[in-house]
PDB file of N, CA and C in Angstrom:
ATOM      1  N   GLN A   1     106.127 123.996  89.517  1.00  0.00           N
ATOM      2  CA  GLN A   1     107.222 123.534  88.685  1.00  0.00           C
ATOM      3  C   GLN A   1     108.464 123.406  89.558  1.00  0.00           C
ATOM      4  N   GLU A   2     109.104 122.253  89.499  1.00  0.00           N
ATOM      5  CA  GLU A   2     110.282 121.986  90.306  1.00  0.00           C
ATOM      6  C   GLU A   2     111.518 122.600  89.662  1.00  0.00           C
ATOM      7  N   VAL A   3     112.371 123.199  90.488  1.00  0.00           N
ATOM      8  CA  VAL A   3     113.622 123.783  90.005  1.00  0.00           C
ATOM      9  C   VAL A   3     114.776 123.257  90.851  1.00  0.00           C
ATOM     10  N   ASP A   4     115.999 123.354  90.332  1.00  0.00           N
ATOM     11  CA  ASP A   4     117.163 122.850  91.067  1.00  0.00           C
ATOM     12  C   ASP A   4     118.115 123.976  91.456  1.00  0.00           C
ATOM     13  N   HIS A   5     117.601 125.207  91.497  1.00  0.00           N
ATOM     14  CA  HIS A   5     118.435 126.353  91.864  1.00  0.00           C
ATOM     15  C   HIS A   5     117.590 127.330  92.686  1.00  0.00           C
ATOM     16  N   GLY A   6     118.248 128.211  93.383  1.00  0.00           N
ATOM     17  CA  GLY A   6     117.554 129.221  94.177  1.00  0.00           C
ATOM     18  C   GLY A   6     117.358 130.492  93.389  1.00  0.00           C
ATOM     19  N   GLY A   7     117.152 131.576  94.124  1.00  0.00           N
ATOM     20  CA  GLY A   7     117.044 132.875  93.501  1.00  0.00           C
ATOM     21  C   GLY A   7     115.633 133.351  93.226  1.00  0.00           C
ATOM     22  N   GLU A   8     114.623 132.522  93.527  1.00  0.00           N
ATOM     23  CA  GLU A   8     113.239 132.951  93.314  1.00  0.00           C
ATOM     24  C   GLU A   8     112.837 133.902  94.447  1.00  0.00           C
ATOM     25  N   LEU A   9     111.873 134.760  94.188  1.00  0.00           N
ATOM     26  CA  LEU A   9     111.369 135.693  95.185  1.00  0.00           C
ATOM     27  C   LEU A   9     110.271 134.980  95.981  1.00  0.00           C
ATOM     28  N   VAL A  10     110.647 134.400  97.118  1.00  0.00           N
ATOM     29  CA  VAL A  10     109.719 133.659  97.967  1.00  0.00           C
ATOM     30  C   VAL A  10     109.472 134.475  99.230  1.00  0.00           C
ATOM     31  N   SER A  11     108.204 134.621  99.590  1.00  0.00           N
ATOM     32  CA  SER A  11     107.849 135.339 100.811  1.00  0.00           C
ATOM     33  C   SER A  11     106.733 134.593 101.518  1.00  0.00           C
ATOM     34  N   CYS A  12     106.490 134.991 102.757  1.00  0.00           N
ATOM     35  CA  CYS A  12     105.540 134.266 103.590  1.00  0.00           C
ATOM     36  C   CYS A  12     104.925 135.218 104.603  1.00  0.00           C
ATOM     37  N   ARG A  13     103.640 134.985 104.943  1.00  0.00           N
ATOM     38  CA  ARG A  13     102.969 135.771 105.983  1.00  0.00           C
ATOM     39  C   ARG A  13     102.146 134.814 106.843  1.00  0.00           C
ATOM     40  N   LEU A  14     102.171 135.045 108.161  1.00  0.00           N
ATOM     41  CA  LEU A  14     101.353 134.287 109.102  1.00  0.00           C
ATOM     42  C   LEU A  14     100.298 135.245 109.648  1.00  0.00           C
ATOM     43  N   THR A  15      99.040 134.835 109.559  1.00  0.00           N
ATOM     44  CA  THR A  15      97.946 135.690 109.999  1.00  0.00           C
ATOM     45  C   THR A  15      97.083 134.963 111.017  1.00  0.00           C
ATOM     46  N   PRO A  16      97.106 135.399 112.280  1.00  0.00           N
ATOM     47  CA  PRO A  16      96.133 134.865 113.229  1.00  0.00           C
ATOM     48  C   PRO A  16      94.742 135.299 112.756  1.00  0.00           C
ATOM     49  N   VAL A  17      93.757 134.402 112.808  1.00  0.00           N
ATOM     50  CA  VAL A  17      92.426 134.707 112.303  1.00  0.00           C
ATOM     51  C   VAL A  17      91.890 135.971 112.986  1.00  0.00           C
ATOM     52  N   GLY A  18      91.491 136.939 112.155  1.00  0.00           N
ATOM     53  CA  GLY A  18      90.938 138.184 112.657  1.00  0.00           C
ATOM     54  C   GLY A  18      91.968 139.203 113.113  1.00  0.00           C
ATOM     55  N   LYS A  19      93.250 138.935 112.872  1.00  0.00           N
ATOM     56  CA  LYS A  19      94.319 139.835 113.322  1.00  0.00           C
ATOM     57  C   LYS A  19      95.187 140.258 112.141  1.00  0.00           C
ATOM     58  N   ILE A  20      96.202 141.043 112.435  1.00  0.00           N
ATOM     59  CA  ILE A  20      97.127 141.543 111.412  1.00  0.00           C
ATOM     60  C   ILE A  20      98.212 140.506 111.145  1.00  0.00           C
ATOM     61  N   SER A  21      98.562 140.331 109.873  1.00  0.00           N
ATOM     62  CA  SER A  21      99.565 139.337 109.495  1.00  0.00           C
ATOM     63  C   SER A  21     100.977 139.806 109.837  1.00  0.00           C
ATOM     64  N   LYS A  22     101.860 138.819 109.954  1.00  0.00           N
ATOM     65  CA  LYS A  22     103.269 139.082 110.261  1.00  0.00           C
ATOM     66  C   LYS A  22     104.109 138.384 109.197  1.00  0.00           C
ATOM     67  N   GLU A  23     105.122 139.077 108.688  1.00  0.00           N
ATOM     68  CA  GLU A  23     106.007 138.478 107.692  1.00  0.00           C
ATOM     69  C   GLU A  23     106.855 137.394 108.345  1.00  0.00           C
ATOM     70  N   CYS A  24     107.097 136.323 107.616  1.00  0.00           N
ATOM     71  CA  CYS A  24     107.911 135.199 108.091  1.00  0.00           C
ATOM     72  C   CYS A  24     109.295 135.284 107.460  1.00  0.00           C
ATOM     73  N   GLN A  25     110.233 134.607 108.077  1.00  0.00           N
ATOM     74  CA  GLN A  25     111.591 134.543 107.536  1.00  0.00           C
ATOM     75  C   GLN A  25     111.656 133.424 106.505  1.00  0.00           C
ATOM     76  N   VAL A  26     112.254 133.698 105.355  1.00  0.00           N
ATOM     77  CA  VAL A  26     112.433 132.697 104.300  1.00  0.00           C
ATOM     78  C   VAL A  26     113.916 132.611 103.986  1.00  0.00           C
ATOM     79  N   THR A  27     114.450 131.388 103.997  1.00  0.00           N
ATOM     80  CA  THR A  27     115.855 131.141 103.685  1.00  0.00           C
ATOM     81  C   THR A  27     115.944 130.381 102.369  1.00  0.00           C
ATOM     82  N   ASP A  28     116.698 130.918 101.426  1.00  0.00           N
ATOM     83  CA  ASP A  28     116.933 130.278 100.131  1.00  0.00           C
ATOM     84  C   ASP A  28     118.069 129.281 100.303  1.00  0.00           C
ATOM     85  N   ASN A  29     117.781 127.992 100.095  1.00  0.00           N
ATOM     86  CA  ASN A  29     118.806 126.949 100.225  1.00  0.00           C
ATOM     87  C   ASN A  29     119.647 126.794  98.961  1.00  0.00           C
ATOM     88  N   SER A  30     119.386 127.622  97.946  1.00  0.00           N
ATOM     89  CA  SER A  30     120.138 127.652  96.681  1.00  0.00           C
ATOM     90  C   SER A  30     120.084 126.357  95.888  1.00  0.00           C
ATOM     91  N   ASP A  31     119.095 125.501  96.202  1.00  0.00           N
ATOM     92  CA  ASP A  31     118.966 124.231  95.471  1.00  0.00           C
ATOM     93  C   ASP A  31     117.535 124.003  94.996  1.00  0.00           C
ATOM     94  N   GLY A  32     116.738 125.080  95.001  1.00  0.00           N
ATOM     95  CA  GLY A  32     115.339 124.960  94.608  1.00  0.00           C
ATOM     96  C   GLY A  32     114.396 124.779  95.784  1.00  0.00           C
ATOM     97  N   THR A  33     114.961 124.673  97.010  1.00  0.00           N
ATOM     98  CA  THR A  33     114.136 124.556  98.207  1.00  0.00           C
ATOM     99  C   THR A  33     114.322 125.799  99.066  1.00  0.00           C
ATOM    100  N   TYR A  34     113.314 126.076  99.879  1.00  0.00           N
ATOM    101  CA  TYR A  34     113.316 127.250 100.743  1.00  0.00           C
ATOM    102  C   TYR A  34     112.824 126.830 102.122  1.00  0.00           C
ATOM    103  N   LEU A  35     113.398 127.414 103.149  1.00  0.00           N
ATOM    104  CA  LEU A  35     112.988 127.144 104.520  1.00  0.00           C
ATOM    105  C   LEU A  35     112.178 128.334 105.007  1.00  0.00           C
ATOM    106  N   VAL A  36     110.940 128.085 105.388  1.00  0.00           N
ATOM    107  CA  VAL A  36     110.073 129.124 105.944  1.00  0.00           C
ATOM    108  C   VAL A  36     110.100 128.962 107.448  1.00  0.00           C
ATOM    109  N   SER A  37     110.477 130.024 108.165  1.00  0.00           N
ATOM    110  CA  SER A  37     110.544 129.997 109.626  1.00  0.00           C
ATOM    111  C   SER A  37     109.551 130.999 110.186  1.00  0.00           C
ATOM    112  N   VAL A  38     108.745 130.527 111.114  1.00  0.00           N
ATOM    113  CA  VAL A  38     107.747 131.396 111.738  1.00  0.00           C
ATOM    114  C   VAL A  38     107.557 130.973 113.191  1.00  0.00           C
ATOM    115  N   THR A  39     107.399 131.947 114.060  1.00  0.00           N
ATOM    116  CA  THR A  39     107.125 131.695 115.463  1.00  0.00           C
ATOM    117  C   THR A  39     105.824 132.398 115.827  1.00  0.00           C
ATOM    118  N   PRO A  40     104.716 131.648 115.906  1.00  0.00           N
ATOM    119  CA  PRO A  40     103.443 132.272 116.259  1.00  0.00           C
ATOM    120  C   PRO A  40     103.535 132.919 117.640  1.00  0.00           C
ATOM    121  N   GLN A  41     102.875 134.052 117.792  1.00  0.00           N
ATOM    122  CA  GLN A  41     102.901 134.787 119.057  1.00  0.00           C
ATOM    123  C   GLN A  41     101.660 134.539 119.901  1.00  0.00           C
ATOM    124  N   GLU A  42     100.706 133.776 119.374  1.00  0.00           N
ATOM    125  CA  GLU A  42      99.496 133.502 120.131  1.00  0.00           C
ATOM    126  C   GLU A  42      98.892 132.170 119.704  1.00  0.00           C
ATOM    127  N   LEU A  43      98.051 131.618 120.578  1.00  0.00           N
ATOM    128  CA  LEU A  43      97.372 130.358 120.304  1.00  0.00           C
ATOM    129  C   LEU A  43      96.183 130.596 119.391  1.00  0.00           C
ATOM    130  N   GLY A  44      95.702 129.538 118.761  1.00  0.00           N
ATOM    131  CA  GLY A  44      94.489 129.623 117.954  1.00  0.00           C
ATOM    132  C   GLY A  44      94.741 129.365 116.484  1.00  0.00           C
ATOM    133  N   GLN A  45      93.746 129.687 115.688  1.00  0.00           N
ATOM    134  CA  GLN A  45      93.785 129.455 114.249  1.00  0.00           C
ATOM    135  C   GLN A  45      94.600 130.534 113.547  1.00  0.00           C
ATOM    136  N   HIS A  46      95.400 130.105 112.584  1.00  0.00           N
ATOM    137  CA  HIS A  46      96.228 131.003 111.787  1.00  0.00           C
ATOM    138  C   HIS A  46      96.139 130.591 110.326  1.00  0.00           C
ATOM    139  N   LYS A  47      96.452 131.506 109.447  1.00  0.00           N
ATOM    140  CA  LYS A  47      96.596 131.211 108.023  1.00  0.00           C
ATOM    141  C   LYS A  47      98.049 131.502 107.652  1.00  0.00           C
ATOM    142  N   LEU A  48      98.687 130.528 107.005  1.00  0.00           N
ATOM    143  CA  LEU A  48     100.066 130.664 106.546  1.00  0.00           C
ATOM    144  C   LEU A  48     100.034 130.795 105.029  1.00  0.00           C
ATOM    145  N   SER A  49     100.418 131.967 104.543  1.00  0.00           N
ATOM    146  CA  SER A  49     100.433 132.226 103.105  1.00  0.00           C
ATOM    147  C   SER A  49     101.877 132.223 102.616  1.00  0.00           C
ATOM    148  N   ILE A  50     102.131 131.449 101.568  1.00  0.00           N
ATOM    149  CA  ILE A  50     103.467 131.379 100.980  1.00  0.00           C
ATOM    150  C   ILE A  50     103.354 131.795  99.518  1.00  0.00           C
ATOM    151  N   TYR A  51     104.222 132.719  99.116  1.00  0.00           N
ATOM    152  CA  TYR A  51     104.153 133.303  97.781  1.00  0.00           C
ATOM    153  C   TYR A  51     105.473 133.114  97.021  1.00  0.00           C
ATOM    154  N   ILE A  52     105.364 132.940  95.713  1.00  0.00           N
ATOM    155  CA  ILE A  52     106.515 133.013  94.817  1.00  0.00           C
ATOM    156  C   ILE A  52     106.193 134.138  93.837  1.00  0.00           C
ATOM    157  N   HIS A  53     107.058 135.145  93.812  1.00  0.00           N
ATOM    158  CA  HIS A  53     106.851 136.329  92.980  1.00  0.00           C
ATOM    159  C   HIS A  53     105.459 136.946  93.216  1.00  0.00           C
ATOM    160  N   GLY A  54     105.043 136.975  94.498  1.00  0.00           N
ATOM    161  CA  GLY A  54     103.785 137.609  94.871  1.00  0.00           C
ATOM    162  C   GLY A  54     102.537 136.791  94.631  1.00  0.00           C
ATOM    163  N   GLN A  55     102.683 135.584  94.089  1.00  0.00           N
ATOM    164  CA  GLN A  55     101.543 134.712  93.810  1.00  0.00           C
ATOM    165  C   GLN A  55     101.519 133.553  94.805  1.00  0.00           C
ATOM    166  N   ASP A  56     100.325 133.230  95.325  1.00  0.00           N
ATOM    167  CA  ASP A  56     100.200 132.099  96.247  1.00  0.00           C
ATOM    168  C   ASP A  56     100.709 130.816  95.599  1.00  0.00           C
ATOM    169  N   ILE A  57     101.449 130.006  96.374  1.00  0.00           N
ATOM    170  CA  ILE A  57     101.801 128.672  95.885  1.00  0.00           C
ATOM    171  C   ILE A  57     100.557 127.801  95.985  1.00  0.00           C
ATOM    172  N   GLN A  58     100.583 126.637  95.365  1.00  0.00           N
ATOM    173  CA  GLN A  58      99.441 125.734  95.379  1.00  0.00           C
ATOM    174  C   GLN A  58      99.079 125.376  96.810  1.00  0.00           C
ATOM    175  N   GLY A  59      97.813 125.538  97.166  1.00  0.00           N
ATOM    176  CA  GLY A  59      97.324 125.200  98.500  1.00  0.00           C
ATOM    177  C   GLY A  59      97.370 126.353  99.487  1.00  0.00           C
ATOM    178  N   SER A  60      98.074 127.427  99.157  1.00  0.00           N
ATOM    179  CA  SER A  60      98.204 128.585 100.037  1.00  0.00           C
ATOM    180  C   SER A  60      96.951 129.451  99.918  1.00  0.00           C
ATOM    181  N   PRO A  61      96.433 129.963 101.029  1.00  0.00           N
ATOM    182  CA  PRO A  61      96.978 129.887 102.382  1.00  0.00           C
ATOM    183  C   PRO A  61      96.625 128.559 103.052  1.00  0.00           C
ATOM    184  N   PHE A  62      97.498 128.147 103.982  1.00  0.00           N
ATOM    185  CA  PHE A  62      97.325 126.920 104.741  1.00  0.00           C
ATOM    186  C   PHE A  62      96.730 127.261 106.101  1.00  0.00           C
ATOM    187  N   ASN A  63      95.778 126.472 106.557  1.00  0.00           N
ATOM    188  CA  ASN A  63      95.178 126.669 107.869  1.00  0.00           C
ATOM    189  C   ASN A  63      95.991 125.923 108.914  1.00  0.00           C
ATOM    190  N   LEU A  64      96.395 126.620 109.966  1.00  0.00           N
ATOM    191  CA  LEU A  64      97.191 126.025 111.032  1.00  0.00           C
ATOM    192  C   LEU A  64      96.532 126.280 112.379  1.00  0.00           C
ATOM    193  N   SER A  65      96.653 125.323 113.286  1.00  0.00           N
ATOM    194  CA  SER A  65      96.204 125.496 114.661  1.00  0.00           C
ATOM    195  C   SER A  65      97.432 125.558 115.546  1.00  0.00           C
ATOM    196  N   VAL A  66      97.557 126.616 116.314  1.00  0.00           N
ATOM    197  CA  VAL A  66      98.661 126.734 117.265  1.00  0.00           C
ATOM    198  C   VAL A  66      98.084 126.370 118.627  1.00  0.00           C
ATOM    199  N   ILE A  67      98.642 125.294 119.216  1.00  0.00           N
ATOM    200  CA  ILE A  67      98.129 124.781 120.481  1.00  0.00           C
ATOM    201  C   ILE A  67      99.246 124.655 121.494  1.00  0.00           C
ATOM    202  N   LEU A  68      98.867 124.499 122.762  1.00  0.00           N
ATOM    203  CA  LEU A  68      99.852 124.247 123.805  1.00  0.00           C
ATOM    204  C   LEU A  68     100.394 122.837 123.646  1.00  0.00           C
ATOM    205  N   GLN A  69     101.623 122.616 124.073  1.00  0.00           N
ATOM    206  CA  GLN A  69     102.270 121.319 123.894  1.00  0.00           C
ATOM    207  C   GLN A  69     101.467 120.195 124.530  1.00  0.00           C
ATOM    208  N   HIS A  70     100.898 120.396 125.723  1.00  0.00           N
ATOM    209  CA  HIS A  70     100.164 119.302 126.372  1.00  0.00           C
ATOM    210  C   HIS A  70      98.890 118.935 125.620  1.00  0.00           C
ATOM    211  N   GLU A  71      98.358 119.841 124.782  1.00  0.00           N
ATOM    212  CA  GLU A  71      97.192 119.536 123.961  1.00  0.00           C
ATOM    213  C   GLU A  71      97.561 118.678 122.759  1.00  0.00           C
ATOM    214  N   LEU A  72      98.843 118.540 122.475  1.00  0.00           N
ATOM    215  CA  LEU A  72      99.328 117.791 121.320  1.00  0.00           C
ATOM    216  C   LEU A  72      99.072 116.296 121.447  1.00  0.00           C
ATOM    217  N   GLN A  73      98.869 115.801 122.666  1.00  0.00           N
ATOM    218  CA  GLN A  73      98.708 114.361 122.867  1.00  0.00           C
ATOM    219  C   GLN A  73      97.602 113.761 121.996  1.00  0.00           C
ATOM    220  N   SER A  74      96.525 114.502 121.738  1.00  0.00           N
ATOM    221  CA  SER A  74      95.437 113.956 120.921  1.00  0.00           C
ATOM    222  C   SER A  74      95.830 113.836 119.444  1.00  0.00           C
ATOM    223  N   HIS A  75      96.921 114.471 119.044  1.00  0.00           N
ATOM    224  CA  HIS A  75      97.355 114.446 117.645  1.00  0.00           C
ATOM    225  C   HIS A  75      98.517 113.483 117.399  1.00  0.00           C
ATOM    226  N   VAL A  76      99.013 112.831 118.423  1.00  0.00           N
ATOM    227  CA  VAL A  76     100.236 112.031 118.283  1.00  0.00           C
ATOM    228  C   VAL A  76     100.008 110.853 117.339  1.00  0.00           C
ATOM    229  N   GLN A  77     100.900 110.701 116.377  1.00  0.00           N
ATOM    230  CA  GLN A  77     100.914 109.598 115.431  1.00  0.00           C
ATOM    231  C   GLN A  77     102.334 109.060 115.362  1.00  0.00           C
ATOM    232  N   THR A  78     102.473 107.765 115.119  1.00  0.00           N
ATOM    233  CA  THR A  78     103.789 107.193 114.904  1.00  0.00           C
ATOM    234  C   THR A  78     104.052 107.186 113.403  1.00  0.00           C
ATOM    235  N   ILE A  79     105.045 107.929 112.993  1.00  0.00           N
ATOM    236  CA  ILE A  79     105.395 108.042 111.580  1.00  0.00           C
ATOM    237  C   ILE A  79     106.831 107.550 111.418  1.00  0.00           C
ATOM    238  N   THR A  80     107.053 106.662 110.461  1.00  0.00           N
ATOM    239  CA  THR A  80     108.401 106.157 110.217  1.00  0.00           C
ATOM    240  C   THR A  80     108.831 106.552 108.805  1.00  0.00           C
ATOM    241  N   GLY A  81     110.116 106.465 108.554  1.00  0.00           N
ATOM    242  CA  GLY A  81     110.632 106.689 107.214  1.00  0.00           C
ATOM    243  C   GLY A  81     110.973 108.126 106.883  1.00  0.00           C
ATOM    244  N   ILE A  82     111.001 109.020 107.873  1.00  0.00           N
ATOM    245  CA  ILE A  82     111.384 110.406 107.615  1.00  0.00           C
ATOM    246  C   ILE A  82     112.784 110.608 108.163  1.00  0.00           C
ATOM    247  N   ASN A  83     113.699 110.992 107.290  1.00  0.00           N
ATOM    248  CA  ASN A  83     115.077 111.236 107.699  1.00  0.00           C
ATOM    249  C   ASN A  83     115.200 112.610 108.327  1.00  0.00           C
ATOM    250  N   HIS A  84     115.561 112.654 109.593  1.00  0.00           N
ATOM    251  CA  HIS A  84     115.787 113.895 110.330  1.00  0.00           C
ATOM    252  C   HIS A  84     114.611 114.870 110.251  1.00  0.00           C
ATOM    253  N   PRO A  85     113.447 114.489 110.817  1.00  0.00           N
ATOM    254  CA  PRO A  85     112.328 115.438 110.839  1.00  0.00           C
ATOM    255  C   PRO A  85     112.715 116.680 111.632  1.00  0.00           C
ATOM    256  N   MET A  86     112.257 117.847 111.175  1.00  0.00           N
ATOM    257  CA  MET A  86     112.623 119.101 111.838  1.00  0.00           C
ATOM    258  C   MET A  86     111.434 119.796 112.474  1.00  0.00           C
ATOM    259  N   TYR A  87     110.360 120.044 111.721  1.00  0.00           N
ATOM    260  CA  TYR A  87     109.219 120.797 112.220  1.00  0.00           C
ATOM    261  C   TYR A  87     107.929 120.072 111.875  1.00  0.00           C
ATOM    262  N   ILE A  88     106.935 120.231 112.736  1.00  0.00           N
ATOM    263  CA  ILE A  88     105.634 119.612 112.529  1.00  0.00           C
ATOM    264  C   ILE A  88     104.563 120.685 112.688  1.00  0.00           C
ATOM    265  N   ALA A  89     103.567 120.657 111.799  1.00  0.00           N
ATOM    266  CA  ALA A  89     102.418 121.557 111.906  1.00  0.00           C
ATOM    267  C   ALA A  89     101.164 120.766 111.563  1.00  0.00           C
ATOM    268  N   PHE A  90     100.043 121.197 112.112  1.00  0.00           N
ATOM    269  CA  PHE A  90      98.758 120.553 111.861  1.00  0.00           C
ATOM    270  C   PHE A  90      97.789 121.554 111.255  1.00  0.00           C
ATOM    271  N   SER A  91      97.012 121.115 110.263  1.00  0.00           N
ATOM    272  CA  SER A  91      95.957 121.972 109.716  1.00  0.00           C
ATOM    273  C   SER A  91      94.688 121.718 110.521  1.00  0.00           C
ATOM    274  N   ASP A  92      93.672 122.551 110.340  1.00  0.00           N
ATOM    275  CA  ASP A  92      92.459 122.382 111.128  1.00  0.00           C
ATOM    276  C   ASP A  92      91.636 121.166 110.698  1.00  0.00           C
ATOM    277  N   ASN A  93      91.968 120.524 109.577  1.00  0.00           N
ATOM    278  CA  ASN A  93      91.282 119.288 109.207  1.00  0.00           C
ATOM    279  C   ASN A  93      92.035 118.059 109.719  1.00  0.00           C
ATOM    280  N   GLY A  94      93.119 118.275 110.488  1.00  0.00           N
ATOM    281  CA  GLY A  94      93.863 117.176 111.076  1.00  0.00           C
ATOM    282  C   GLY A  94      95.073 116.721 110.288  1.00  0.00           C
ATOM    283  N   ASP A  95      95.279 117.262 109.079  1.00  0.00           N
ATOM    284  CA  ASP A  95      96.467 116.895 108.304  1.00  0.00           C
ATOM    285  C   ASP A  95      97.720 117.344 109.052  1.00  0.00           C
ATOM    286  N   MET A  96      98.773 116.545 108.938  1.00  0.00           N
ATOM    287  CA  MET A  96     100.042 116.840 109.601  1.00  0.00           C
ATOM    288  C   MET A  96     101.101 117.085 108.530  1.00  0.00           C
ATOM    289  N   PHE A  97     101.883 118.153 108.715  1.00  0.00           N
ATOM    290  CA  PHE A  97     102.955 118.524 107.801  1.00  0.00           C
ATOM    291  C   PHE A  97     104.269 118.368 108.552  1.00  0.00           C
ATOM    292  N   VAL A  98     105.189 117.567 108.003  1.00  0.00           N
ATOM    293  CA  VAL A  98     106.480 117.325 108.642  1.00  0.00           C
ATOM    294  C   VAL A  98     107.578 117.705 107.668  1.00  0.00           C
ATOM    295  N   THR A  99     108.435 118.635 108.082  1.00  0.00           N
ATOM    296  CA  THR A  99     109.571 118.979 107.237  1.00  0.00           C
ATOM    297  C   THR A  99     110.716 118.032 107.542  1.00  0.00           C
ATOM    298  N   SER A 100     111.501 117.749 106.527  1.00  0.00           N
ATOM    299  CA  SER A 100     112.620 116.827 106.663  1.00  0.00           C
ATOM    300  C   SER A 100     113.893 117.484 106.162  1.00  0.00           C
ATOM    301  N   CYS A 101     114.899 117.493 107.007  1.00  0.00           N
ATOM    302  CA  CYS A 101     116.190 118.100 106.654  1.00  0.00           C
ATOM    303  C   CYS A 101     116.848 117.346 105.501  1.00  0.00           C
ATOM    304  N   ASN A 102     116.948 116.038 105.615  1.00  0.00           N
ATOM    305  CA  ASN A 102     117.655 115.252 104.595  1.00  0.00           C
ATOM    306  C   ASN A 102     116.864 115.093 103.304  1.00  0.00           C
ATOM    307  N   ASP A 103     115.525 114.954 103.414  1.00  0.00           N
ATOM    308  CA  ASP A 103     114.709 114.742 102.215  1.00  0.00           C
ATOM    309  C   ASP A 103     114.423 116.035 101.468  1.00  0.00           C
ATOM    310  N   LYS A 104     114.663 117.189 102.112  1.00  0.00           N
ATOM    311  CA  LYS A 104     114.422 118.508 101.516  1.00  0.00           C
ATOM    312  C   LYS A 104     113.002 118.609 100.961  1.00  0.00           C
ATOM    313  N   CYS A 105     112.030 118.230 101.794  1.00  0.00           N
ATOM    314  CA  CYS A 105     110.641 118.299 101.369  1.00  0.00           C
ATOM    315  C   CYS A 105     109.739 118.388 102.593  1.00  0.00           C
ATOM    316  N   VAL A 106     108.448 118.517 102.331  1.00  0.00           N
ATOM    317  CA  VAL A 106     107.439 118.481 103.380  1.00  0.00           C
ATOM    318  C   VAL A 106     106.609 117.227 103.161  1.00  0.00           C
ATOM    319  N   HIS A 107     106.535 116.382 104.181  1.00  0.00           N
ATOM    320  CA  HIS A 107     105.706 115.179 104.132  1.00  0.00           C
ATOM    321  C   HIS A 107     104.331 115.551 104.671  1.00  0.00           C
ATOM    322  N   VAL A 108     103.254 115.075 104.014  1.00  0.00           N
ATOM    323  CA  VAL A 108     101.894 115.388 104.443  1.00  0.00           C
ATOM    324  C   VAL A 108     101.172 114.082 104.761  1.00  0.00           C
ATOM    325  N   TYR A 109     100.523 114.049 105.951  1.00  0.00           N
ATOM    326  CA  TYR A 109      99.795 112.877 106.418  1.00  0.00           C
ATOM    327  C   TYR A 109      98.386 113.298 106.806  1.00  0.00           C
ATOM    328  N   ASP A 110      97.416 112.393 106.615  1.00  0.00           N
ATOM    329  CA  ASP A 110      96.061 112.706 107.075  1.00  0.00           C
ATOM    330  C   ASP A 110      95.973 112.448 108.581  1.00  0.00           C
ATOM    331  N   SER A 111      94.814 112.689 109.164  1.00  0.00           N
ATOM    332  CA  SER A 111      94.662 112.597 110.610  1.00  0.00           C
ATOM    333  C   SER A 111      94.846 111.184 111.163  1.00  0.00           C
ATOM    334  N   SER A 112      94.784 110.165 110.297  1.00  0.00           N
ATOM    335  CA  SER A 112      95.021 108.794 110.749  1.00  0.00           C
ATOM    336  C   SER A 112      96.480 108.380 110.606  1.00  0.00           C
ATOM    337  N   GLY A 113      97.312 109.265 110.066  1.00  0.00           N
ATOM    338  CA  GLY A 113      98.741 108.974 109.898  1.00  0.00           C
ATOM    339  C   GLY A 113      99.090 108.419 108.527  1.00  0.00           C
ATOM    340  N   LYS A 114      98.115 108.347 107.608  1.00  0.00           N
ATOM    341  CA  LYS A 114      98.356 107.843 106.269  1.00  0.00           C
ATOM    342  C   LYS A 114      98.968 108.943 105.401  1.00  0.00           C
ATOM    343  N   LYS A 115     100.063 108.613 104.695  1.00  0.00           N
ATOM    344  CA  LYS A 115     100.740 109.589 103.831  1.00  0.00           C
ATOM    345  C   LYS A 115      99.832 109.969 102.663  1.00  0.00           C
ATOM    346  N   LYS A 116      99.784 111.275 102.385  1.00  0.00           N
ATOM    347  CA  LYS A 116      98.958 111.767 101.270  1.00  0.00           C
ATOM    348  C   LYS A 116      99.795 111.927 100.023  1.00  0.00           C
TER     349      LYS A 116
END
């Protein structure tokens, strides 16, 4: 359910597969959007769980692959129409998640670059 105000109890955990999870930083933008900040400490598969009032949001946990920058070349796609992209993440099925500062949303693309 979409809201236009902050104040919800939003939390996040990043879990490297087979390891102990780490809490992520969540910033309330006071407009119904939240910024989740996480810095993985190791390469490999991770699960990103995002909760509102202790309940998983739709699609959570998300599967993420943390790779070295030079390995990113195989994932490069040309995407247009995103105002001020900030962060990019890839799921293990090849989907790409791009956060946008101006659009206040997450854009999702399949592995061929088609918007979902």
